[in-house]
Amino acid sequence: VDAYDISKGKGFCSSILRCTVLFVDPVTESDTYTTILKIPGIENLEDLNTDEGTAYTFDDTKIKGFVFRHQTEIDFYSNLASTLEIPSLKVFKMLPWAPGEYEGVIHMEDMTGKGITTGFYPVLSMGQIKEYVRYYVRMHRISLTGDESHQKLWKGKHDENHQFIASLATQMFEDEEFLDICKDRGRLSFL
């Protein structure tokens, strides 16, 4: 088994490892199996902090927030993804994260060659935007108009997520790149 970090620091609050299983007696050279392990942690954020010379601190409250985000992702793949009629990764195993006690993990299919990792403000074509909006609208239609049992899967459980990410973004990342893309369209209210 060969494994390496493919996130190159872009994993935000996770290391993303691509694991390749090489077989002893392969029939062909292509007889390999690849998979992804997403391991939560704040190491990438600490490295970013050091590289950028920022003074962002990771106290217990912030770390609990990252643990909550990991659990939210587990909840999404466990309970919601299959109900939303949107493309989704195959997820094979998920374990919660308790810093200092045990590492969490999300074991998922390898999407190499099927997609790309973008920055915070990717430049998208009109076709990509339309496709994204189509799935986004479908997901929200199902979420908001689903029956009571579907509503119980998500309603009121993750309200603080968007507030956490917005506050983190304003503290850690500059918005000039986004504003340059937008030209004269103005600033976003949360930046």
N, C-alpha and C. Protein backbone atom coordinates (compact mmCIF):
# COMPACT_ATOMS: atom_id res chain seq x y z
N VAL A 1 0.85 -1.18 0.00
CA VAL A 1 0.00 0.00 0.00
C VAL A 1 0.89 1.23 0.00
N ASP A 2 0.60 2.14 -0.91
CA ASP A 2 1.32 3.40 -1.01
C ASP A 2 0.31 4.51 -0.72
N ALA A 3 0.69 5.49 0.11
CA ALA A 3 -0.22 6.59 0.44
C ALA A 3 0.54 7.90 0.43
N TYR A 4 -0.09 8.94 -0.10
CA TYR A 4 0.50 10.27 -0.05
C TYR A 4 -0.59 11.32 0.06
N ASP A 5 -0.22 12.48 0.61
CA ASP A 5 -1.16 13.58 0.85
C ASP A 5 -1.39 14.32 -0.46
N ILE A 6 -2.61 14.27 -0.95
CA ILE A 6 -2.93 14.96 -2.21
C ILE A 6 -3.51 16.35 -1.98
N SER A 7 -3.75 16.70 -0.71
CA SER A 7 -4.40 17.98 -0.44
C SER A 7 -3.43 19.16 -0.55
N LYS A 8 -2.14 18.90 -0.38
CA LYS A 8 -1.13 19.96 -0.49
C LYS A 8 -1.53 21.20 0.30
N GLY A 9 -2.03 20.97 1.52
CA GLY A 9 -2.43 22.09 2.37
C GLY A 9 -3.79 22.66 2.06
N LYS A 10 -4.46 22.17 1.00
CA LYS A 10 -5.78 22.69 0.64
C LYS A 10 -6.90 21.94 1.34
N GLY A 11 -6.56 20.97 2.18
CA GLY A 11 -7.56 20.17 2.85
C GLY A 11 -8.26 20.91 3.96
N PHE A 12 -7.94 22.19 4.13
CA PHE A 12 -8.57 23.07 5.11
C PHE A 12 -8.42 22.51 6.51
N CYS A 13 -9.29 21.64 6.96
CA CYS A 13 -9.11 21.06 8.29
C CYS A 13 -9.06 19.54 8.19
N SER A 14 -8.40 19.06 7.14
CA SER A 14 -8.20 17.62 6.95
C SER A 14 -6.96 17.38 6.11
N SER A 15 -6.35 16.24 6.32
CA SER A 15 -5.34 15.72 5.40
C SER A 15 -6.08 14.74 4.50
N ILE A 16 -5.80 14.80 3.22
CA ILE A 16 -6.49 13.93 2.28
C ILE A 16 -5.44 13.03 1.64
N LEU A 17 -5.51 11.75 1.96
CA LEU A 17 -4.52 10.78 1.49
C LEU A 17 -5.09 9.94 0.37
N ARG A 18 -4.32 9.81 -0.70
CA ARG A 18 -4.68 8.89 -1.79
C ARG A 18 -3.89 7.62 -1.54
N CYS A 19 -4.59 6.53 -1.37
CA CYS A 19 -3.97 5.24 -1.07
C CYS A 19 -4.08 4.35 -2.30
N THR A 20 -2.96 3.76 -2.69
CA THR A 20 -2.93 2.84 -3.82
C THR A 20 -2.53 1.47 -3.32
N VAL A 21 -3.37 0.49 -3.59
CA VAL A 21 -3.07 -0.89 -3.23
C VAL A 21 -2.49 -1.57 -4.46
N LEU A 22 -1.25 -2.03 -4.34
CA LEU A 22 -0.58 -2.74 -5.42
C LEU A 22 -0.61 -4.22 -5.09
N PHE A 23 -1.03 -5.04 -6.02
CA PHE A 23 -1.16 -6.46 -5.78
C PHE A 23 0.14 -7.19 -6.09
N VAL A 24 0.41 -8.27 -5.36
CA VAL A 24 1.65 -9.03 -5.50
C VAL A 24 1.76 -9.67 -6.87
N ASP A 25 0.72 -10.31 -7.33
CA ASP A 25 0.73 -11.00 -8.62
C ASP A 25 -0.30 -10.39 -9.57
N PRO A 26 -0.06 -9.16 -10.03
CA PRO A 26 -1.06 -8.53 -10.91
C PRO A 26 -1.09 -9.20 -12.28
N VAL A 27 -2.26 -9.25 -12.85
CA VAL A 27 -2.41 -9.78 -14.20
C VAL A 27 -1.90 -8.74 -15.19
N THR A 28 -2.24 -7.47 -14.94
CA THR A 28 -1.75 -6.37 -15.77
C THR A 28 -1.23 -5.26 -14.86
N GLU A 29 -0.55 -4.29 -15.46
CA GLU A 29 -0.04 -3.16 -14.67
C GLU A 29 -1.16 -2.33 -14.07
N SER A 30 -2.32 -2.38 -14.67
CA SER A 30 -3.45 -1.58 -14.18
C SER A 30 -4.20 -2.27 -13.04
N ASP A 31 -3.73 -3.42 -12.60
CA ASP A 31 -4.36 -4.11 -11.47
C ASP A 31 -3.98 -3.44 -10.16
N THR A 32 -4.55 -2.29 -9.93
CA THR A 32 -4.35 -1.56 -8.68
C THR A 32 -5.71 -1.06 -8.20
N TYR A 33 -5.75 -0.69 -6.97
CA TYR A 33 -6.97 -0.13 -6.39
C TYR A 33 -6.59 1.15 -5.68
N THR A 34 -7.31 2.23 -5.94
CA THR A 34 -7.04 3.49 -5.25
C THR A 34 -8.27 3.91 -4.47
N THR A 35 -8.03 4.57 -3.37
CA THR A 35 -9.10 5.06 -2.51
C THR A 35 -8.60 6.29 -1.76
N ILE A 36 -9.50 7.00 -1.12
CA ILE A 36 -9.16 8.24 -0.42
C ILE A 36 -9.49 8.10 1.07
N LEU A 37 -8.58 8.58 1.91
CA LEU A 37 -8.81 8.71 3.34
C LEU A 37 -8.75 10.19 3.69
N LYS A 38 -9.81 10.70 4.24
CA LYS A 38 -9.85 12.10 4.69
C LYS A 38 -9.77 12.08 6.21
N ILE A 39 -8.66 12.59 6.74
CA ILE A 39 -8.39 12.52 8.18
C ILE A 39 -8.45 13.94 8.74
N PRO A 40 -9.43 14.22 9.61
CA PRO A 40 -9.57 15.58 10.13
C PRO A 40 -8.44 15.96 11.08
N GLY A 41 -8.12 17.24 11.09
CA GLY A 41 -7.10 17.78 11.99
C GLY A 41 -6.89 19.25 11.67
N ILE A 42 -6.23 19.95 12.57
CA ILE A 42 -6.01 21.38 12.34
C ILE A 42 -4.59 21.68 11.89
N GLU A 43 -3.81 20.64 11.56
CA GLU A 43 -2.42 20.85 11.17
C GLU A 43 -2.29 21.77 9.96
N ASN A 44 -3.14 21.58 8.94
CA ASN A 44 -3.07 22.43 7.75
C ASN A 44 -3.35 23.89 8.10
N LEU A 45 -4.29 24.12 9.00
CA LEU A 45 -4.60 25.49 9.41
C LEU A 45 -3.45 26.08 10.22
N GLU A 46 -2.82 25.27 11.06
CA GLU A 46 -1.67 25.76 11.82
C GLU A 46 -0.53 26.10 10.88
N ASP A 47 -0.31 25.27 9.84
CA ASP A 47 0.73 25.56 8.85
C ASP A 47 0.41 26.85 8.10
N LEU A 48 -0.84 27.04 7.72
CA LEU A 48 -1.26 28.26 7.04
C LEU A 48 -1.02 29.46 7.93
N ASN A 49 -1.34 29.32 9.19
CA ASN A 49 -1.12 30.37 10.18
C ASN A 49 0.35 30.78 10.19
N THR A 50 1.24 29.79 10.21
CA THR A 50 2.68 30.03 10.24
C THR A 50 3.14 30.66 8.94
N ASP A 51 2.71 30.08 7.80
CA ASP A 51 3.13 30.58 6.49
C ASP A 51 2.70 32.02 6.25
N GLU A 52 1.49 32.36 6.67
CA GLU A 52 0.94 33.69 6.43
C GLU A 52 1.34 34.69 7.51
N GLY A 53 1.91 34.19 8.60
CA GLY A 53 2.29 35.08 9.70
C GLY A 53 1.10 35.65 10.44
N THR A 54 -0.03 34.94 10.40
CA THR A 54 -1.22 35.42 11.10
C THR A 54 -1.20 34.92 12.54
N ALA A 55 -2.04 35.50 13.34
CA ALA A 55 -2.08 35.15 14.76
C ALA A 55 -3.42 34.54 15.14
N TYR A 56 -3.95 33.71 14.27
CA TYR A 56 -5.23 33.05 14.55
C TYR A 56 -4.98 31.95 15.57
N THR A 57 -5.75 31.93 16.64
CA THR A 57 -5.55 30.93 17.69
C THR A 57 -6.61 29.84 17.61
N PHE A 58 -6.20 28.65 17.97
CA PHE A 58 -7.08 27.49 17.94
C PHE A 58 -7.35 27.03 19.36
N ASP A 59 -8.27 27.72 20.03
CA ASP A 59 -8.63 27.35 21.40
C ASP A 59 -9.60 26.17 21.37
N ASP A 60 -9.98 25.69 22.55
CA ASP A 60 -10.86 24.52 22.64
C ASP A 60 -12.19 24.73 21.92
N THR A 61 -12.71 25.95 21.96
CA THR A 61 -13.98 26.23 21.30
C THR A 61 -13.85 26.07 19.79
N LYS A 62 -12.77 26.59 19.21
CA LYS A 62 -12.55 26.47 17.76
C LYS A 62 -12.34 25.01 17.37
N ILE A 63 -11.56 24.29 18.18
CA ILE A 63 -11.31 22.88 17.87
C ILE A 63 -12.61 22.08 17.94
N LYS A 64 -13.45 22.37 18.92
CA LYS A 64 -14.76 21.70 19.00
C LYS A 64 -15.59 22.01 17.75
N GLY A 65 -15.43 23.22 17.23
CA GLY A 65 -16.11 23.59 15.99
C GLY A 65 -15.66 22.73 14.82
N PHE A 66 -14.36 22.47 14.72
CA PHE A 66 -13.85 21.61 13.65
C PHE A 66 -14.34 20.17 13.82
N VAL A 67 -14.39 19.70 15.07
CA VAL A 67 -14.93 18.36 15.34
C VAL A 67 -16.39 18.30 14.89
N PHE A 68 -17.14 19.35 15.19
CA PHE A 68 -18.54 19.42 14.79
C PHE A 68 -18.67 19.38 13.26
N ARG A 69 -17.78 20.08 12.55
CA ARG A 69 -17.82 20.08 11.08
C ARG A 69 -17.59 18.68 10.54
N HIS A 70 -16.62 17.96 11.14
CA HIS A 70 -16.36 16.59 10.69
C HIS A 70 -17.60 15.72 10.91
N GLN A 71 -18.23 15.87 12.06
CA GLN A 71 -19.44 15.09 12.35
C GLN A 71 -20.58 15.48 11.40
N THR A 72 -20.64 16.76 11.03
CA THR A 72 -21.64 17.21 10.07
C THR A 72 -21.45 16.50 8.73
N GLU A 73 -20.19 16.37 8.31
CA GLU A 73 -19.92 15.68 7.05
C GLU A 73 -20.33 14.20 7.15
N ILE A 74 -20.04 13.58 8.28
CA ILE A 74 -20.47 12.20 8.50
C ILE A 74 -22.00 12.11 8.42
N ASP A 75 -22.67 13.03 9.10
CA ASP A 75 -24.14 13.04 9.08
C ASP A 75 -24.68 13.23 7.66
N PHE A 76 -24.04 14.11 6.89
CA PHE A 76 -24.48 14.36 5.52
C PHE A 76 -24.40 13.08 4.70
N TYR A 77 -23.23 12.42 4.71
CA TYR A 77 -23.08 11.21 3.91
C TYR A 77 -23.92 10.06 4.44
N SER A 78 -24.10 9.98 5.76
CA SER A 78 -24.88 8.88 6.35
C SER A 78 -26.38 9.05 6.14
N ASN A 79 -26.87 10.27 6.27
CA ASN A 79 -28.32 10.48 6.32
C ASN A 79 -28.91 11.22 5.13
N LEU A 80 -28.19 12.17 4.56
CA LEU A 80 -28.80 13.04 3.56
C LEU A 80 -28.41 12.77 2.12
N ALA A 81 -27.15 12.49 1.86
CA ALA A 81 -26.65 12.44 0.48
C ALA A 81 -27.52 11.56 -0.42
N SER A 82 -27.89 10.40 0.05
CA SER A 82 -28.66 9.48 -0.79
C SER A 82 -30.10 9.94 -1.01
N THR A 83 -30.58 10.90 -0.24
CA THR A 83 -31.97 11.36 -0.38
C THR A 83 -32.11 12.59 -1.26
N LEU A 84 -31.00 13.22 -1.65
CA LEU A 84 -31.07 14.52 -2.31
C LEU A 84 -31.04 14.47 -3.84
N GLU A 85 -30.87 13.31 -4.43
CA GLU A 85 -30.85 13.17 -5.88
C GLU A 85 -29.81 14.06 -6.54
N ILE A 86 -28.61 14.08 -5.95
CA ILE A 86 -27.49 14.83 -6.50
C ILE A 86 -26.29 13.88 -6.60
N PRO A 87 -25.34 14.18 -7.49
CA PRO A 87 -24.14 13.34 -7.55
C PRO A 87 -23.42 13.40 -6.20
N SER A 88 -22.93 12.27 -5.76
CA SER A 88 -22.25 12.21 -4.48
C SER A 88 -21.18 11.12 -4.51
N LEU A 89 -20.17 11.31 -3.72
CA LEU A 89 -19.11 10.31 -3.59
C LEU A 89 -19.65 9.02 -2.98
N LYS A 90 -19.00 7.92 -3.29
CA LYS A 90 -19.26 6.69 -2.55
C LYS A 90 -18.41 6.76 -1.28
N VAL A 91 -19.05 6.59 -0.15
CA VAL A 91 -18.33 6.62 1.13
C VAL A 91 -18.44 5.24 1.74
N PHE A 92 -17.28 4.68 2.12
CA PHE A 92 -17.23 3.30 2.59
C PHE A 92 -17.23 3.18 4.11
N LYS A 93 -16.57 4.10 4.80
CA LYS A 93 -16.46 4.01 6.26
C LYS A 93 -16.24 5.41 6.80
N MET A 94 -16.88 5.71 7.93
CA MET A 94 -16.71 7.01 8.59
C MET A 94 -16.57 6.78 10.08
N LEU A 95 -15.59 7.45 10.67
CA LEU A 95 -15.39 7.38 12.12
C LEU A 95 -15.34 8.79 12.68
N PRO A 96 -15.99 9.03 13.82
CA PRO A 96 -15.95 10.36 14.44
C PRO A 96 -14.54 10.69 14.94
N TRP A 97 -14.33 11.96 15.25
CA TRP A 97 -13.03 12.47 15.67
C TRP A 97 -13.14 13.00 17.09
N ALA A 98 -12.21 12.60 17.94
CA ALA A 98 -12.12 13.13 19.31
C ALA A 98 -10.65 13.47 19.55
N PRO A 99 -10.26 14.74 19.33
CA PRO A 99 -8.85 15.13 19.47
C PRO A 99 -8.27 14.67 20.81
N GLY A 100 -7.08 14.08 20.72
CA GLY A 100 -6.41 13.58 21.92
C GLY A 100 -6.83 12.18 22.31
N GLU A 101 -7.95 11.70 21.75
CA GLU A 101 -8.42 10.35 22.06
C GLU A 101 -8.29 9.41 20.85
N TYR A 102 -8.90 9.80 19.74
CA TYR A 102 -8.80 8.98 18.54
C TYR A 102 -9.02 9.86 17.31
N GLU A 103 -8.41 9.42 16.20
CA GLU A 103 -8.54 10.15 14.94
C GLU A 103 -9.82 9.73 14.24
N GLY A 104 -10.43 10.68 13.60
CA GLY A 104 -11.58 10.38 12.76
C GLY A 104 -11.10 10.10 11.35
N VAL A 105 -11.99 9.61 10.54
CA VAL A 105 -11.65 9.35 9.14
C VAL A 105 -12.93 9.25 8.32
N ILE A 106 -12.82 9.63 7.07
CA ILE A 106 -13.85 9.34 6.08
C ILE A 106 -13.14 8.63 4.94
N HIS A 107 -13.52 7.38 4.70
CA HIS A 107 -12.93 6.56 3.64
C HIS A 107 -13.89 6.61 2.45
N MET A 108 -13.41 7.16 1.33
CA MET A 108 -14.29 7.39 0.18
C MET A 108 -13.62 6.99 -1.12
N GLU A 109 -14.43 6.97 -2.16
CA GLU A 109 -13.91 6.62 -3.47
C GLU A 109 -12.92 7.67 -3.95
N ASP A 110 -11.99 7.23 -4.78
CA ASP A 110 -11.01 8.11 -5.38
C ASP A 110 -11.63 8.76 -6.61
N MET A 111 -11.67 10.08 -6.63
CA MET A 111 -12.26 10.82 -7.74
C MET A 111 -11.21 11.34 -8.72
N THR A 112 -9.98 10.86 -8.62
CA THR A 112 -8.91 11.30 -9.51
C THR A 112 -9.35 11.11 -10.97
N GLY A 113 -9.23 12.16 -11.74
CA GLY A 113 -9.62 12.12 -13.14
C GLY A 113 -11.10 12.39 -13.38
N LYS A 114 -11.88 12.50 -12.30
CA LYS A 114 -13.32 12.74 -12.43
C LYS A 114 -13.71 14.15 -12.02
N GLY A 115 -12.79 14.89 -11.44
CA GLY A 115 -13.08 16.24 -10.98
C GLY A 115 -11.79 16.93 -10.59
N ILE A 116 -11.90 18.16 -10.10
CA ILE A 116 -10.73 18.92 -9.69
C ILE A 116 -11.01 19.60 -8.35
N THR A 117 -9.93 19.94 -7.68
CA THR A 117 -10.03 20.75 -6.47
C THR A 117 -9.77 22.19 -6.88
N THR A 118 -10.67 23.07 -6.50
CA THR A 118 -10.52 24.47 -6.87
C THR A 118 -10.16 25.30 -5.65
N GLY A 119 -9.79 26.53 -5.88
CA GLY A 119 -9.55 27.46 -4.79
C GLY A 119 -10.88 27.94 -4.22
N PHE A 120 -10.81 28.93 -3.38
CA PHE A 120 -12.03 29.45 -2.77
C PHE A 120 -12.91 30.17 -3.79
N TYR A 121 -12.31 30.79 -4.78
CA TYR A 121 -13.07 31.55 -5.77
C TYR A 121 -12.71 31.06 -7.17
N PRO A 122 -13.18 29.87 -7.54
CA PRO A 122 -12.81 29.35 -8.86
C PRO A 122 -13.51 30.13 -9.97
N VAL A 123 -12.86 30.18 -11.11
CA VAL A 123 -13.47 30.77 -12.29
C VAL A 123 -14.20 29.63 -13.00
N LEU A 124 -15.50 29.75 -13.13
CA LEU A 124 -16.32 28.70 -13.72
C LEU A 124 -16.92 29.16 -15.04
N SER A 125 -17.14 28.21 -15.92
CA SER A 125 -17.81 28.53 -17.18
C SER A 125 -19.31 28.66 -16.90
N MET A 126 -20.03 29.24 -17.83
CA MET A 126 -21.48 29.39 -17.67
C MET A 126 -22.14 28.01 -17.58
N GLY A 127 -21.67 27.05 -18.36
CA GLY A 127 -22.22 25.70 -18.29
C GLY A 127 -22.01 25.06 -16.93
N GLN A 128 -20.83 25.26 -16.34
CA GLN A 128 -20.56 24.72 -15.00
C GLN A 128 -21.46 25.38 -13.96
N ILE A 129 -21.64 26.67 -14.08
CA ILE A 129 -22.50 27.39 -13.14
C ILE A 129 -23.94 26.88 -13.25
N LYS A 130 -24.43 26.71 -14.48
CA LYS A 130 -25.80 26.21 -14.67
C LYS A 130 -25.97 24.81 -14.09
N GLU A 131 -24.98 23.96 -14.30
CA GLU A 131 -25.06 22.59 -13.76
C GLU A 131 -25.05 22.61 -12.24
N TYR A 132 -24.20 23.43 -11.66
CA TYR A 132 -24.14 23.56 -10.20
C TYR A 132 -25.48 24.06 -9.66
N VAL A 133 -26.02 25.10 -10.28
CA VAL A 133 -27.29 25.68 -9.81
C VAL A 133 -28.41 24.65 -9.94
N ARG A 134 -28.41 23.88 -11.02
CA ARG A 134 -29.44 22.85 -11.22
C ARG A 134 -29.44 21.86 -10.06
N TYR A 135 -28.27 21.37 -9.67
CA TYR A 135 -28.19 20.42 -8.55
C TYR A 135 -28.48 21.10 -7.22
N TYR A 136 -28.02 22.32 -7.08
CA TYR A 136 -28.24 23.08 -5.84
C TYR A 136 -29.74 23.31 -5.61
N VAL A 137 -30.44 23.69 -6.68
CA VAL A 137 -31.89 23.92 -6.58
C VAL A 137 -32.60 22.60 -6.28
N ARG A 138 -32.21 21.53 -6.95
CA ARG A 138 -32.83 20.22 -6.70
C ARG A 138 -32.63 19.82 -5.24
N MET A 139 -31.41 19.97 -4.74
CA MET A 139 -31.11 19.61 -3.36
C MET A 139 -31.99 20.41 -2.39
N HIS A 140 -32.11 21.72 -2.62
CA HIS A 140 -32.92 22.55 -1.73
C HIS A 140 -34.41 22.26 -1.87
N ARG A 141 -34.87 21.97 -3.08
CA ARG A 141 -36.28 21.61 -3.26
C ARG A 141 -36.61 20.38 -2.43
N ILE A 142 -35.77 19.37 -2.52
CA ILE A 142 -36.02 18.13 -1.77
C ILE A 142 -35.93 18.39 -0.27
N SER A 143 -34.92 19.16 0.14
CA SER A 143 -34.74 19.44 1.57
C SER A 143 -35.90 20.23 2.15
N LEU A 144 -36.36 21.22 1.42
CA LEU A 144 -37.37 22.13 1.96
C LEU A 144 -38.81 21.66 1.77
N THR A 145 -39.04 20.78 0.80
CA THR A 145 -40.41 20.33 0.56
C THR A 145 -40.62 18.87 0.94
N GLY A 146 -39.59 18.24 1.48
CA GLY A 146 -39.71 16.84 1.87
C GLY A 146 -40.68 16.66 3.03
N ASP A 147 -41.10 15.43 3.24
CA ASP A 147 -42.03 15.15 4.33
C ASP A 147 -41.34 15.33 5.68
N GLU A 148 -42.10 15.18 6.74
CA GLU A 148 -41.59 15.44 8.09
C GLU A 148 -40.41 14.53 8.44
N SER A 149 -40.45 13.27 8.01
CA SER A 149 -39.33 12.36 8.32
C SER A 149 -38.05 12.83 7.64
N HIS A 150 -38.17 13.39 6.44
CA HIS A 150 -36.98 13.92 5.76
C HIS A 150 -36.49 15.18 6.46
N GLN A 151 -37.40 16.04 6.87
CA GLN A 151 -37.03 17.28 7.56
C GLN A 151 -36.25 16.97 8.85
N LYS A 152 -36.61 15.89 9.53
CA LYS A 152 -35.94 15.53 10.79
C LYS A 152 -34.47 15.17 10.57
N LEU A 153 -34.10 14.82 9.35
CA LEU A 153 -32.72 14.45 9.07
C LEU A 153 -31.77 15.64 9.19
N TRP A 154 -32.27 16.86 8.97
CA TRP A 154 -31.36 18.00 8.91
C TRP A 154 -31.83 19.24 9.66
N LYS A 155 -33.12 19.47 9.74
CA LYS A 155 -33.64 20.75 10.21
C LYS A 155 -33.16 21.09 11.62
N GLY A 156 -32.53 22.25 11.75
CA GLY A 156 -32.07 22.76 13.03
C GLY A 156 -30.81 22.12 13.57
N LYS A 157 -30.22 21.18 12.84
CA LYS A 157 -29.06 20.46 13.35
C LYS A 157 -27.73 21.12 13.01
N HIS A 158 -27.68 21.90 11.95
CA HIS A 158 -26.40 22.41 11.48
C HIS A 158 -26.44 23.91 11.17
N ASP A 159 -27.29 24.63 11.86
CA ASP A 159 -27.47 26.05 11.58
C ASP A 159 -26.20 26.87 11.79
N GLU A 160 -25.37 26.46 12.73
CA GLU A 160 -24.19 27.27 13.04
C GLU A 160 -23.04 27.07 12.05
N ASN A 161 -23.13 26.09 11.17
CA ASN A 161 -22.03 25.82 10.23
C ASN A 161 -21.70 27.02 9.36
N HIS A 162 -22.71 27.61 8.72
CA HIS A 162 -22.42 28.71 7.80
C HIS A 162 -21.83 29.91 8.54
N GLN A 163 -22.26 30.15 9.76
CA GLN A 163 -21.71 31.27 10.54
C GLN A 163 -20.25 31.02 10.89
N PHE A 164 -19.91 29.79 11.24
CA PHE A 164 -18.53 29.45 11.58
C PHE A 164 -17.60 29.65 10.39
N ILE A 165 -17.98 29.13 9.24
CA ILE A 165 -17.14 29.23 8.05
C ILE A 165 -16.99 30.68 7.62
N ALA A 166 -18.06 31.45 7.66
CA ALA A 166 -17.97 32.87 7.29
C ALA A 166 -17.04 33.62 8.23
N SER A 167 -17.13 33.36 9.53
CA SER A 167 -16.25 34.07 10.48
C SER A 167 -14.81 33.64 10.30
N LEU A 168 -14.59 32.36 10.01
CA LEU A 168 -13.23 31.87 9.78
C LEU A 168 -12.64 32.48 8.52
N ALA A 169 -13.45 32.57 7.47
CA ALA A 169 -12.98 33.13 6.20
C ALA A 169 -12.55 34.58 6.36
N THR A 170 -13.28 35.35 7.13
CA THR A 170 -12.92 36.76 7.29
C THR A 170 -11.66 36.91 8.12
N GLN A 171 -11.35 35.95 8.98
CA GLN A 171 -10.17 36.04 9.82
C GLN A 171 -8.92 35.51 9.14
N MET A 172 -9.07 34.55 8.23
CA MET A 172 -7.90 33.85 7.70
C MET A 172 -7.59 34.15 6.24
N PHE A 173 -8.55 34.61 5.45
CA PHE A 173 -8.32 34.72 4.02
C PHE A 173 -8.63 36.13 3.52
N GLU A 174 -7.82 36.55 2.60
CA GLU A 174 -8.04 37.84 1.97
C GLU A 174 -9.08 37.69 0.87
N ASP A 175 -9.86 38.72 0.66
CA ASP A 175 -10.91 38.64 -0.35
C ASP A 175 -10.57 39.37 -1.64
N GLU A 176 -9.33 39.83 -1.80
CA GLU A 176 -8.97 40.59 -3.00
C GLU A 176 -9.14 39.77 -4.27
N GLU A 177 -8.78 38.48 -4.22
CA GLU A 177 -8.91 37.64 -5.41
C GLU A 177 -10.37 37.59 -5.86
N PHE A 178 -11.27 37.41 -4.91
CA PHE A 178 -12.70 37.36 -5.24
C PHE A 178 -13.16 38.71 -5.79
N LEU A 179 -12.75 39.79 -5.14
CA LEU A 179 -13.16 41.12 -5.60
C LEU A 179 -12.61 41.43 -6.98
N ASP A 180 -11.41 40.94 -7.28
CA ASP A 180 -10.82 41.14 -8.59
C ASP A 180 -11.66 40.43 -9.65
N ILE A 181 -12.13 39.23 -9.33
CA ILE A 181 -12.98 38.49 -10.26
C ILE A 181 -14.30 39.23 -10.47
N CYS A 182 -14.86 39.79 -9.38
CA CYS A 182 -16.16 40.47 -9.45
C CYS A 182 -16.07 41.85 -10.10
N LYS A 183 -14.88 42.39 -10.17
CA LYS A 183 -14.66 43.75 -10.70
C LYS A 183 -15.46 44.77 -9.89
N ASP A 184 -16.41 45.44 -10.50
CA ASP A 184 -17.11 46.53 -9.82
C ASP A 184 -18.43 46.10 -9.18
N ARG A 185 -18.62 44.82 -8.95
CA ARG A 185 -19.90 44.36 -8.40
C ARG A 185 -20.00 44.54 -6.90
N GLY A 186 -18.94 44.99 -6.26
CA GLY A 186 -19.01 45.30 -4.83
C GLY A 186 -18.62 44.16 -3.93
N ARG A 187 -18.61 44.44 -2.65
CA ARG A 187 -18.20 43.48 -1.63
C ARG A 187 -19.39 42.64 -1.18
N LEU A 188 -19.09 41.43 -0.78
CA LEU A 188 -20.12 40.59 -0.16
C LEU A 188 -20.34 41.07 1.26
N SER A 189 -21.54 40.98 1.74
CA SER A 189 -21.87 41.51 3.06
C SER A 189 -21.16 40.80 4.19
N PHE A 190 -20.80 39.52 4.02
CA PHE A 190 -20.16 38.81 5.13
C PHE A 190 -18.65 38.95 5.12
N LEU A 191 -18.06 39.58 4.11
CA LEU A 191 -16.60 39.74 4.07
C LEU A 191 -16.17 41.04 4.70
